């Protein structure tokens, strides 16, 4: 392989390693939010069912006079799905170069 192709392959592999690391960190952040979001959803549903059982939507005017139309929440469990297409699929492996010995 010539030097130009070898250098490009090296750059692409290093970029792949960097992107996978960043991807895993971002997925971890999302995974850490699953339970808090699920808990919040449950709290909202319980509050709504206890206080507004027959109301499907309403307008709430906040202290700053901004109005929000809100809709009765549905019970849902948060989930996180992620797919990372590989540019260069790699794995660590041992190399023994017998040609240089």
PDB file of N, CA and C in Angstrom:
ATOM      1  N   UNK A   1       0.850  -1.169   0.000  1.00  0.00           N
ATOM      2  CA  UNK A   1       0.000   0.000   0.000  1.00  0.00           C
ATOM      3  C   UNK A   1       0.902   1.240   0.000  1.00  0.00           C
ATOM      4  N   UNK A   2       0.566   2.212  -0.843  1.00  0.00           N
ATOM      5  CA  UNK A   2       1.397   3.417  -0.892  1.00  0.00           C
ATOM      6  C   UNK A   2       1.139   4.297   0.334  1.00  0.00           C
ATOM      7  N   UNK A   3       2.026   5.257   0.541  1.00  0.00           N
ATOM      8  CA  UNK A   3       1.972   6.104   1.743  1.00  0.00           C
ATOM      9  C   UNK A   3       0.701   6.947   1.826  1.00  0.00           C
ATOM     10  N   UNK A   4       0.205   7.425   0.707  1.00  0.00           N
ATOM     11  CA  UNK A   4      -1.006   8.262   0.709  1.00  0.00           C
ATOM     12  C   UNK A   4      -2.206   7.442   1.183  1.00  0.00           C
ATOM     13  N   UNK A   5      -2.354   6.233   0.637  1.00  0.00           N
ATOM     14  CA  UNK A   5      -3.461   5.367   1.055  1.00  0.00           C
ATOM     15  C   UNK A   5      -3.306   4.943   2.509  1.00  0.00           C
ATOM     16  N   UNK A   6      -2.091   4.644   2.908  1.00  0.00           N
ATOM     17  CA  UNK A   6      -1.830   4.230   4.296  1.00  0.00           C
ATOM     18  C   UNK A   6      -2.173   5.361   5.266  1.00  0.00           C
ATOM     19  N   UNK A   7      -1.791   6.578   4.911  1.00  0.00           N
ATOM     20  CA  UNK A   7      -2.090   7.730   5.767  1.00  0.00           C
ATOM     21  C   UNK A   7      -3.599   7.961   5.858  1.00  0.00           C
ATOM     22  N   UNK A   8      -4.302   7.862   4.736  1.00  0.00           N
ATOM     23  CA  UNK A   8      -5.753   8.052   4.727  1.00  0.00           C
ATOM     24  C   UNK A   8      -6.430   6.972   5.566  1.00  0.00           C
ATOM     25  N   UNK A   9      -5.979   5.726   5.436  1.00  0.00           N
ATOM     26  CA  UNK A   9      -6.542   4.633   6.238  1.00  0.00           C
ATOM     27  C   UNK A   9      -6.316   4.883   7.723  1.00  0.00           C
ATOM     28  N   UNK A  10      -5.127   5.367   8.065  1.00  0.00           N
ATOM     29  CA  UNK A  10      -4.823   5.696   9.463  1.00  0.00           C
ATOM     30  C   UNK A  10      -5.758   6.790   9.961  1.00  0.00           C
ATOM     31  N   UNK A  11      -5.948   7.855   9.184  1.00  0.00           N
ATOM     32  CA  UNK A  11      -6.826   8.959   9.569  1.00  0.00           C
ATOM     33  C   UNK A  11      -8.264   8.483   9.768  1.00  0.00           C
ATOM     34  N   UNK A  12      -8.745   7.662   8.840  1.00  0.00           N
ATOM     35  CA  UNK A  12     -10.117   7.164   8.945  1.00  0.00           C
ATOM     36  C   UNK A  12     -10.301   6.265  10.163  1.00  0.00           C
ATOM     37  N   UNK A  13      -9.314   5.430  10.444  1.00  0.00           N
ATOM     38  CA  UNK A  13      -9.401   4.545  11.608  1.00  0.00           C
ATOM     39  C   UNK A  13      -9.394   5.348  12.898  1.00  0.00           C
ATOM     40  N   UNK A  14      -8.510   6.333  13.000  1.00  0.00           N
ATOM     41  CA  UNK A  14      -8.461   7.170  14.198  1.00  0.00           C
ATOM     42  C   UNK A  14      -9.752   7.970  14.373  1.00  0.00           C
ATOM     43  N   UNK A  15     -10.308   8.443  13.259  1.00  0.00           N
ATOM     44  CA  UNK A  15     -11.579   9.167  13.324  1.00  0.00           C
ATOM     45  C   UNK A  15     -12.691   8.230  13.791  1.00  0.00           C
ATOM     46  N   UNK A  16     -12.697   6.998  13.301  1.00  0.00           N
ATOM     47  CA  UNK A  16     -13.689   5.996  13.727  1.00  0.00           C
ATOM     48  C   UNK A  16     -13.588   5.753  15.225  1.00  0.00           C
ATOM     49  N   UNK A  17     -12.386   5.595  15.738  1.00  0.00           N
ATOM     50  CA  UNK A  17     -12.180   5.377  17.171  1.00  0.00           C
ATOM     51  C   UNK A  17     -12.722   6.561  17.963  1.00  0.00           C
ATOM     52  N   UNK A  18     -12.438   7.771  17.528  1.00  0.00           N
ATOM     53  CA  UNK A  18     -12.900   8.989  18.202  1.00  0.00           C
ATOM     54  C   UNK A  18     -14.430   9.076  18.181  1.00  0.00           C
ATOM     55  N   UNK A  19     -15.029   8.809  17.014  1.00  0.00           N
ATOM     56  CA  UNK A  19     -16.488   8.893  16.904  1.00  0.00           C
ATOM     57  C   UNK A  19     -17.182   7.851  17.775  1.00  0.00           C
ATOM     58  N   UNK A  20     -16.639   6.640  17.812  1.00  0.00           N
ATOM     59  CA  UNK A  20     -17.246   5.606  18.660  1.00  0.00           C
ATOM     60  C   UNK A  20     -17.186   6.000  20.127  1.00  0.00           C
ATOM     61  N   UNK A  21     -16.077   6.593  20.555  1.00  0.00           N
ATOM     62  CA  UNK A  21     -15.942   7.034  21.950  1.00  0.00           C
ATOM     63  C   UNK A  21     -16.979   8.118  22.251  1.00  0.00           C
ATOM     64  N   UNK A  22     -17.103   9.108  21.374  1.00  0.00           N
ATOM     65  CA  UNK A  22     -18.074  10.179  21.565  1.00  0.00           C
ATOM     66  C   UNK A  22     -19.499   9.624  21.564  1.00  0.00           C
ATOM     67  N   UNK A  23     -19.759   8.670  20.674  1.00  0.00           N
ATOM     68  CA  UNK A  23     -21.089   8.052  20.565  1.00  0.00           C
ATOM     69  C   UNK A  23     -21.445   7.346  21.871  1.00  0.00           C
ATOM     70  N   UNK A  24     -20.515   6.560  22.378  1.00  0.00           N
ATOM     71  CA  UNK A  24     -20.766   5.819  23.622  1.00  0.00           C
ATOM     72  C   UNK A  24     -21.026   6.772  24.787  1.00  0.00           C
ATOM     73  N   UNK A  25     -20.288   7.876  24.827  1.00  0.00           N
ATOM     74  CA  UNK A  25     -20.500   8.863  25.896  1.00  0.00           C
ATOM     75  C   UNK A  25     -21.888   9.494  25.779  1.00  0.00           C
ATOM     76  N   UNK A  26     -22.318   9.819  24.561  1.00  0.00           N
ATOM     77  CA  UNK A  26     -23.636  10.415  24.351  1.00  0.00           C
ATOM     78  C   UNK A  26     -24.746   9.419  24.694  1.00  0.00           C
ATOM     79  N   UNK A  27     -24.587   8.168  24.307  1.00  0.00           N
ATOM     80  CA  UNK A  27     -25.573   7.135  24.630  1.00  0.00           C
ATOM     81  C   UNK A  27     -25.670   6.963  26.143  1.00  0.00           C
ATOM     82  N   UNK A  28     -24.545   7.007  26.841  1.00  0.00           N
ATOM     83  CA  UNK A  28     -24.538   6.888  28.305  1.00  0.00           C
ATOM     84  C   UNK A  28     -25.355   8.007  28.935  1.00  0.00           C
ATOM     85  N   UNK A  29     -25.219   9.233  28.420  1.00  0.00           N
ATOM     86  CA  UNK A  29     -26.006  10.364  28.939  1.00  0.00           C
ATOM     87  C   UNK A  29     -27.497  10.080  28.767  1.00  0.00           C
ATOM     88  N   UNK A  30     -27.877   9.588  27.591  1.00  0.00           N
ATOM     89  CA  UNK A  30     -29.281   9.253  27.350  1.00  0.00           C
ATOM     90  C   UNK A  30     -29.750   8.126  28.258  1.00  0.00           C
ATOM     91  N   UNK A  31     -28.932   7.115  28.439  1.00  0.00           N
ATOM     92  CA  UNK A  31     -29.309   5.993  29.302  1.00  0.00           C
ATOM     93  C   UNK A  31     -29.514   6.460  30.742  1.00  0.00           C
ATOM     94  N   UNK A  32     -28.703   7.417  31.179  1.00  0.00           N
ATOM     95  CA  UNK A  32     -28.833   7.940  32.542  1.00  0.00           C
ATOM     96  C   UNK A  32     -30.129   8.728  32.736  1.00  0.00           C
ATOM     97  N   UNK A  33     -30.756   9.164  31.647  1.00  0.00           N
ATOM     98  CA  UNK A  33     -32.006   9.924  31.727  1.00  0.00           C
ATOM     99  C   UNK A  33     -33.254   9.049  31.683  1.00  0.00           C
ATOM    100  N   UNK A  34     -33.097   7.774  31.351  1.00  0.00           N
ATOM    101  CA  UNK A  34     -34.263   6.906  31.180  1.00  0.00           C
ATOM    102  C   UNK A  34     -35.114   6.848  32.448  1.00  0.00           C
ATOM    103  N   UNK A  35     -34.519   6.541  33.577  1.00  0.00           N
ATOM    104  CA  UNK A  35     -35.310   6.405  34.807  1.00  0.00           C
ATOM    105  C   UNK A  35     -35.884   7.737  35.278  1.00  0.00           C
ATOM    106  N   UNK A  36     -35.115   8.842  35.292  1.00  0.00           N
ATOM    107  CA  UNK A  36     -35.719  10.116  35.696  1.00  0.00           C
ATOM    108  C   UNK A  36     -36.888  10.542  34.804  1.00  0.00           C
ATOM    109  N   UNK A  37     -36.777  10.310  33.504  1.00  0.00           N
ATOM    110  CA  UNK A  37     -37.868  10.673  32.591  1.00  0.00           C
ATOM    111  C   UNK A  37     -39.079   9.779  32.850  1.00  0.00           C
ATOM    112  N   UNK A  38     -38.856   8.487  33.039  1.00  0.00           N
ATOM    113  CA  UNK A  38     -39.945   7.560  33.340  1.00  0.00           C
ATOM    114  C   UNK A  38     -40.631   7.949  34.643  1.00  0.00           C
ATOM    115  N   UNK A  39     -39.843   8.287  35.653  1.00  0.00           N
ATOM    116  CA  UNK A  39     -40.409   8.701  36.944  1.00  0.00           C
ATOM    117  C   UNK A  39     -41.223   9.983  36.807  1.00  0.00           C
ATOM    118  N   UNK A  40     -40.718  10.935  36.036  1.00  0.00           N
ATOM    119  CA  UNK A  40     -41.429  12.201  35.820  1.00  0.00           C
ATOM    120  C   UNK A  40     -42.761  11.942  35.119  1.00  0.00           C
ATOM    121  N   UNK A  41     -42.736  11.096  34.109  1.00  0.00           N
ATOM    122  CA  UNK A  41     -43.968  10.761  33.399  1.00  0.00           C
ATOM    123  C   UNK A  41     -44.989  10.162  34.356  1.00  0.00           C
ATOM    124  N   UNK A  42     -44.558   9.254  35.206  1.00  0.00           N
ATOM    125  CA  UNK A  42     -45.467   8.628  36.160  1.00  0.00           C
ATOM    126  C   UNK A  42     -46.031   9.667  37.124  1.00  0.00           C
ATOM    127  N   UNK A  43     -45.184  10.554  37.610  1.00  0.00           N
ATOM    128  CA  UNK A  43     -45.629  11.607  38.526  1.00  0.00           C
ATOM    129  C   UNK A  43     -46.669  12.513  37.864  1.00  0.00           C
ATOM    130  N   UNK A  44     -46.436  12.874  36.603  1.00  0.00           N
ATOM    131  CA  UNK A  44     -47.392  13.714  35.871  1.00  0.00           C
ATOM    132  C   UNK A  44     -48.731  13.000  35.693  1.00  0.00           C
ATOM    133  N   UNK A  45     -48.677  11.732  35.327  1.00  0.00           N
ATOM    134  CA  UNK A  45     -49.910  10.958  35.132  1.00  0.00           C
ATOM    135  C   UNK A  45     -50.687  10.837  36.436  1.00  0.00           C
ATOM    136  N   UNK A  46     -49.993  10.537  37.512  1.00  0.00           N
ATOM    137  CA  UNK A  46     -50.662  10.406  38.808  1.00  0.00           C
ATOM    138  C   UNK A  46     -51.303  11.726  39.232  1.00  0.00           C
ATOM    139  N   UNK A  47     -50.570  12.820  39.090  1.00  0.00           N
ATOM    140  CA  UNK A  47     -51.109  14.134  39.458  1.00  0.00           C
ATOM    141  C   UNK A  47     -52.352  14.458  38.632  1.00  0.00           C
ATOM    142  N   UNK A  48     -52.248  14.245  37.319  1.00  0.00           N
ATOM    143  CA  UNK A  48     -53.368  14.558  36.430  1.00  0.00           C
ATOM    144  C   UNK A  48     -54.587  13.707  36.785  1.00  0.00           C
ATOM    145  N   UNK A  49     -54.369  12.405  36.967  1.00  0.00           N
ATOM    146  CA  UNK A  49     -55.483  11.498  37.263  1.00  0.00           C
ATOM    147  C   UNK A  49     -56.151  11.819  38.593  1.00  0.00           C
ATOM    148  N   UNK A  50     -55.372  12.267  39.565  1.00  0.00           N
ATOM    149  CA  UNK A  50     -55.931  12.632  40.873  1.00  0.00           C
ATOM    150  C   UNK A  50     -56.673  13.963  40.828  1.00  0.00           C
ATOM    151  N   UNK A  51     -56.208  14.893  40.011  1.00  0.00           N
ATOM    152  CA  UNK A  51     -56.741  16.260  40.052  1.00  0.00           C
ATOM    153  C   UNK A  51     -57.627  16.642  38.874  1.00  0.00           C
ATOM    154  N   UNK A  52     -57.402  16.038  37.725  1.00  0.00           N
ATOM    155  CA  UNK A  52     -58.163  16.392  36.516  1.00  0.00           C
ATOM    156  C   UNK A  52     -58.587  15.140  35.759  1.00  0.00           C
ATOM    157  N   UNK A  53     -59.261  14.210  36.397  1.00  0.00           N
ATOM    158  CA  UNK A  53     -59.527  12.913  35.753  1.00  0.00           C
ATOM    159  C   UNK A  53     -60.350  13.003  34.464  1.00  0.00           C
ATOM    160  N   UNK A  54     -61.166  14.043  34.313  1.00  0.00           N
ATOM    161  CA  UNK A  54     -62.024  14.137  33.132  1.00  0.00           C
ATOM    162  C   UNK A  54     -61.571  15.215  32.144  1.00  0.00           C
ATOM    163  N   UNK A  55     -60.386  15.757  32.343  1.00  0.00           N
ATOM    164  CA  UNK A  55     -59.878  16.825  31.480  1.00  0.00           C
ATOM    165  C   UNK A  55     -58.838  16.235  30.525  1.00  0.00           C
ATOM    166  N   UNK A  56     -59.019  16.497  29.227  1.00  0.00           N
ATOM    167  CA  UNK A  56     -58.075  15.982  28.235  1.00  0.00           C
ATOM    168  C   UNK A  56     -56.999  17.001  27.861  1.00  0.00           C
ATOM    169  N   UNK A  57     -57.359  18.285  27.902  1.00  0.00           N
ATOM    170  CA  UNK A  57     -56.379  19.345  27.643  1.00  0.00           C
ATOM    171  C   UNK A  57     -56.810  20.610  28.373  1.00  0.00           C
ATOM    172  N   UNK A  58     -55.804  21.478  28.602  1.00  0.00           N
ATOM    173  CA  UNK A  58     -56.071  22.742  29.292  1.00  0.00           C
ATOM    174  C   UNK A  58     -54.990  23.747  28.925  1.00  0.00           C
ATOM    175  N   UNK A  59     -55.241  24.997  29.271  1.00  0.00           N
ATOM    176  CA  UNK A  59     -54.244  26.052  29.082  1.00  0.00           C
ATOM    177  C   UNK A  59     -53.780  26.485  30.463  1.00  0.00           C
ATOM    178  N   UNK A  60     -52.467  26.549  30.635  1.00  0.00           N
ATOM    179  CA  UNK A  60     -51.866  26.985  31.891  1.00  0.00           C
ATOM    180  C   UNK A  60     -51.135  28.287  31.610  1.00  0.00           C
ATOM    181  N   UNK A  61     -51.441  29.323  32.402  1.00  0.00           N
ATOM    182  CA  UNK A  61     -50.757  30.612  32.263  1.00  0.00           C
ATOM    183  C   UNK A  61     -49.737  30.705  33.393  1.00  0.00           C
ATOM    184  N   UNK A  62     -48.491  30.834  33.016  1.00  0.00           N
ATOM    185  CA  UNK A  62     -47.394  30.857  33.990  1.00  0.00           C
ATOM    186  C   UNK A  62     -47.234  32.256  34.574  1.00  0.00           C
ATOM    187  N   UNK A  63     -46.354  32.393  35.568  1.00  0.00           N
ATOM    188  CA  UNK A  63     -46.108  33.669  36.249  1.00  0.00           C
ATOM    189  C   UNK A  63     -45.640  34.757  35.296  1.00  0.00           C
ATOM    190  N   UNK A  64     -44.965  34.375  34.211  1.00  0.00           N
ATOM    191  CA  UNK A  64     -44.448  35.350  33.257  1.00  0.00           C
ATOM    192  C   UNK A  64     -45.446  35.614  32.120  1.00  0.00           C
ATOM    193  N   UNK A  65     -46.687  35.166  32.314  1.00  0.00           N
ATOM    194  CA  UNK A  65     -47.791  35.341  31.366  1.00  0.00           C
ATOM    195  C   UNK A  65     -47.647  34.549  30.076  1.00  0.00           C
ATOM    196  N   UNK A  66     -46.735  33.619  30.034  1.00  0.00           N
ATOM    197  CA  UNK A  66     -46.666  32.725  28.885  1.00  0.00           C
ATOM    198  C   UNK A  66     -47.692  31.617  29.101  1.00  0.00           C
ATOM    199  N   UNK A  67     -48.485  31.352  28.073  1.00  0.00           N
ATOM    200  CA  UNK A  67     -49.523  30.331  28.156  1.00  0.00           C
ATOM    201  C   UNK A  67     -49.073  29.076  27.428  1.00  0.00           C
ATOM    202  N   UNK A  68     -49.330  27.940  28.052  1.00  0.00           N
ATOM    203  CA  UNK A  68     -49.014  26.643  27.460  1.00  0.00           C
ATOM    204  C   UNK A  68     -50.282  25.803  27.388  1.00  0.00           C
ATOM    205  N   UNK A  69     -50.556  25.262  26.233  1.00  0.00           N
ATOM    206  CA  UNK A  69     -51.634  24.292  26.107  1.00  0.00           C
ATOM    207  C   UNK A  69     -51.028  22.942  26.478  1.00  0.00           C
ATOM    208  N   UNK A  70     -51.590  22.289  27.473  1.00  0.00           N
ATOM    209  CA  UNK A  70     -51.065  20.984  27.870  1.00  0.00           C
ATOM    210  C   UNK A  70     -52.134  19.917  27.673  1.00  0.00           C
ATOM    211  N   UNK A  71     -51.664  18.741  27.387  1.00  0.00           N
ATOM    212  CA  UNK A  71     -52.533  17.611  27.071  1.00  0.00           C
ATOM    213  C   UNK A  71     -52.321  16.542  28.142  1.00  0.00           C
ATOM    214  N   UNK A  72     -53.404  15.848  28.475  1.00  0.00           N
ATOM    215  CA  UNK A  72     -53.330  14.786  29.471  1.00  0.00           C
ATOM    216  C   UNK A  72     -52.217  13.806  29.089  1.00  0.00           C
ATOM    217  N   UNK A  73     -51.302  13.560  30.022  1.00  0.00           N
ATOM    218  CA  UNK A  73     -50.189  12.647  29.708  1.00  0.00           C
ATOM    219  C   UNK A  73     -50.651  11.195  29.688  1.00  0.00           C
ATOM    220  N   UNK A  74     -49.940  10.393  28.898  1.00  0.00           N
ATOM    221  CA  UNK A  74     -50.167   8.950  28.843  1.00  0.00           C
ATOM    222  C   UNK A  74     -48.992   8.276  29.538  1.00  0.00           C
ATOM    223  N   UNK A  75     -49.263   7.204  30.223  1.00  0.00           N
ATOM    224  CA  UNK A  75     -48.204   6.466  30.909  1.00  0.00           C
ATOM    225  C   UNK A  75     -47.302   5.805  29.877  1.00  0.00           C
ATOM    226  N   UNK A  76     -46.030   6.143  29.940  1.00  0.00           N
ATOM    227  CA  UNK A  76     -45.043   5.581  29.024  1.00  0.00           C
ATOM    228  C   UNK A  76     -43.748   5.335  29.784  1.00  0.00           C
ATOM    229  N   UNK A  77     -43.056   4.306  29.415  1.00  0.00           N
ATOM    230  CA  UNK A  77     -41.730   4.037  29.959  1.00  0.00           C
ATOM    231  C   UNK A  77     -40.725   4.560  28.947  1.00  0.00           C
ATOM    232  N   UNK A  78     -39.804   5.387  29.413  1.00  0.00           N
ATOM    233  CA  UNK A  78     -38.782   5.929  28.513  1.00  0.00           C
ATOM    234  C   UNK A  78     -37.859   4.800  28.053  1.00  0.00           C
ATOM    235  N   UNK A  79     -37.371   4.931  26.843  1.00  0.00           N
ATOM    236  CA  UNK A  79     -36.399   3.977  26.325  1.00  0.00           C
ATOM    237  C   UNK A  79     -35.427   4.720  25.432  1.00  0.00           C
ATOM    238  N   UNK A  80     -34.281   4.166  25.300  1.00  0.00           N
ATOM    239  CA  UNK A  80     -33.244   4.779  24.481  1.00  0.00           C
ATOM    240  C   UNK A  80     -32.769   3.744  23.491  1.00  0.00           C
ATOM    241  N   UNK A  81     -32.795   4.096  22.239  1.00  0.00           N
ATOM    242  CA  UNK A  81     -32.280   3.218  21.199  1.00  0.00           C
ATOM    243  C   UNK A  81     -31.242   3.996  20.403  1.00  0.00           C
ATOM    244  N   UNK A  82     -30.189   3.331  20.047  1.00  0.00           N
ATOM    245  CA  UNK A  82     -29.146   4.000  19.270  1.00  0.00           C
ATOM    246  C   UNK A  82     -28.493   2.994  18.329  1.00  0.00           C
ATOM    247  N   UNK A  83     -28.236   3.429  17.143  1.00  0.00           N
ATOM    248  CA  UNK A  83     -27.544   2.599  16.166  1.00  0.00           C
ATOM    249  C   UNK A  83     -26.403   3.410  15.580  1.00  0.00           C
ATOM    250  N   UNK A  84     -25.243   2.872  15.615  1.00  0.00           N
ATOM    251  CA  UNK A  84     -24.064   3.538  15.064  1.00  0.00           C
ATOM    252  C   UNK A  84     -23.558   2.740  13.875  1.00  0.00           C
ATOM    253  N   UNK A  85     -23.733   3.267  12.656  1.00  0.00           N
ATOM    254  CA  UNK A  85     -23.173   2.561  11.506  1.00  0.00           C
ATOM    255  C   UNK A  85     -21.660   2.755  11.491  1.00  0.00           C
ATOM    256  N   UNK A  86     -20.951   1.684  11.310  1.00  0.00           N
ATOM    257  CA  UNK A  86     -19.495   1.774  11.314  1.00  0.00           C
ATOM    258  C   UNK A  86     -18.976   2.185   9.954  1.00  0.00           C
ATOM    259  N   UNK A  87     -18.031   3.126   9.960  1.00  0.00           N
ATOM    260  CA  UNK A  87     -17.332   3.473   8.732  1.00  0.00           C
ATOM    261  C   UNK A  87     -16.258   2.430   8.477  1.00  0.00           C
ATOM    262  N   UNK A  88     -15.467   2.180   9.507  1.00  0.00           N
ATOM    263  CA  UNK A  88     -14.438   1.134   9.459  1.00  0.00           C
ATOM    264  C   UNK A  88     -14.652   0.282  10.690  1.00  0.00           C
ATOM    265  N   UNK A  89     -15.028  -0.965  10.499  1.00  0.00           N
ATOM    266  CA  UNK A  89     -15.241  -1.855  11.633  1.00  0.00           C
ATOM    267  C   UNK A  89     -13.886  -2.380  12.076  1.00  0.00           C
ATOM    268  N   UNK A  90     -13.554  -2.180  13.338  1.00  0.00           N
ATOM    269  CA  UNK A  90     -12.242  -2.597  13.826  1.00  0.00           C
ATOM    270  C   UNK A  90     -12.397  -3.261  15.182  1.00  0.00           C
ATOM    271  N   UNK A  91     -11.388  -3.986  15.576  1.00  0.00           N
ATOM    272  CA  UNK A  91     -11.276  -4.502  16.937  1.00  0.00           C
ATOM    273  C   UNK A  91      -9.789  -4.629  17.258  1.00  0.00           C
ATOM    274  N   UNK A  92      -9.487  -4.588  18.537  1.00  0.00           N
ATOM    275  CA  UNK A  92      -8.097  -4.742  18.957  1.00  0.00           C
ATOM    276  C   UNK A  92      -7.673  -6.194  18.753  1.00  0.00           C
ATOM    277  N   UNK A  93      -6.439  -6.390  18.351  1.00  0.00           N
ATOM    278  CA  UNK A  93      -5.918  -7.746  18.198  1.00  0.00           C
ATOM    279  C   UNK A  93      -4.409  -7.731  18.395  1.00  0.00           C
ATOM    280  N   UNK A  94      -3.892  -8.882  18.809  1.00  0.00           N
ATOM    281  CA  UNK A  94      -2.453  -9.040  18.955  1.00  0.00           C
ATOM    282  C   UNK A  94      -1.810  -9.246  17.582  1.00  0.00           C
ATOM    283  N   UNK A  95      -0.651  -8.651  17.396  1.00  0.00           N
ATOM    284  CA  UNK A  95       0.064  -8.822  16.144  1.00  0.00           C
ATOM    285  C   UNK A  95       1.481  -9.291  16.452  1.00  0.00           C
ATOM    286  N   UNK A  96       1.871 -10.352  15.809  1.00  0.00           N
ATOM    287  CA  UNK A  96       3.252 -10.832  15.916  1.00  0.00           C
ATOM    288  C   UNK A  96       3.834 -10.752  14.514  1.00  0.00           C
ATOM    289  N   UNK A  97       4.802  -9.876  14.344  1.00  0.00           N
ATOM    290  CA  UNK A  97       5.404  -9.683  13.044  1.00  0.00           C
ATOM    291  C   UNK A  97       6.644 -10.574  12.946  1.00  0.00           C
ATOM    292  N   UNK A  98       6.473 -11.761  12.424  1.00  0.00           N
ATOM    293  CA  UNK A  98       7.599 -12.695  12.318  1.00  0.00           C
ATOM    294  C   UNK A  98       8.543 -12.306  11.190  1.00  0.00           C
ATOM    295  N   UNK A  99       8.097 -11.477  10.275  1.00  0.00           N
ATOM    296  CA  UNK A  99       8.952 -11.062   9.164  1.00  0.00           C
ATOM    297  C   UNK A  99      10.077 -10.155   9.647  1.00  0.00           C
ATOM    298  N   UNK A 100       9.886  -9.459  10.753  1.00  0.00           N
ATOM    299  CA  UNK A 100      10.921  -8.529  11.217  1.00  0.00           C
ATOM    300  C   UNK A 100      11.842  -9.168  12.243  1.00  0.00           C
ATOM    301  N   UNK A 101      11.721 -10.470  12.477  1.00  0.00           N
ATOM    302  CA  UNK A 101      12.566 -11.129  13.487  1.00  0.00           C
ATOM    303  C   UNK A 101      13.592 -12.012  12.840  1.00  0.00           C
TER     304      UNK A 101
END
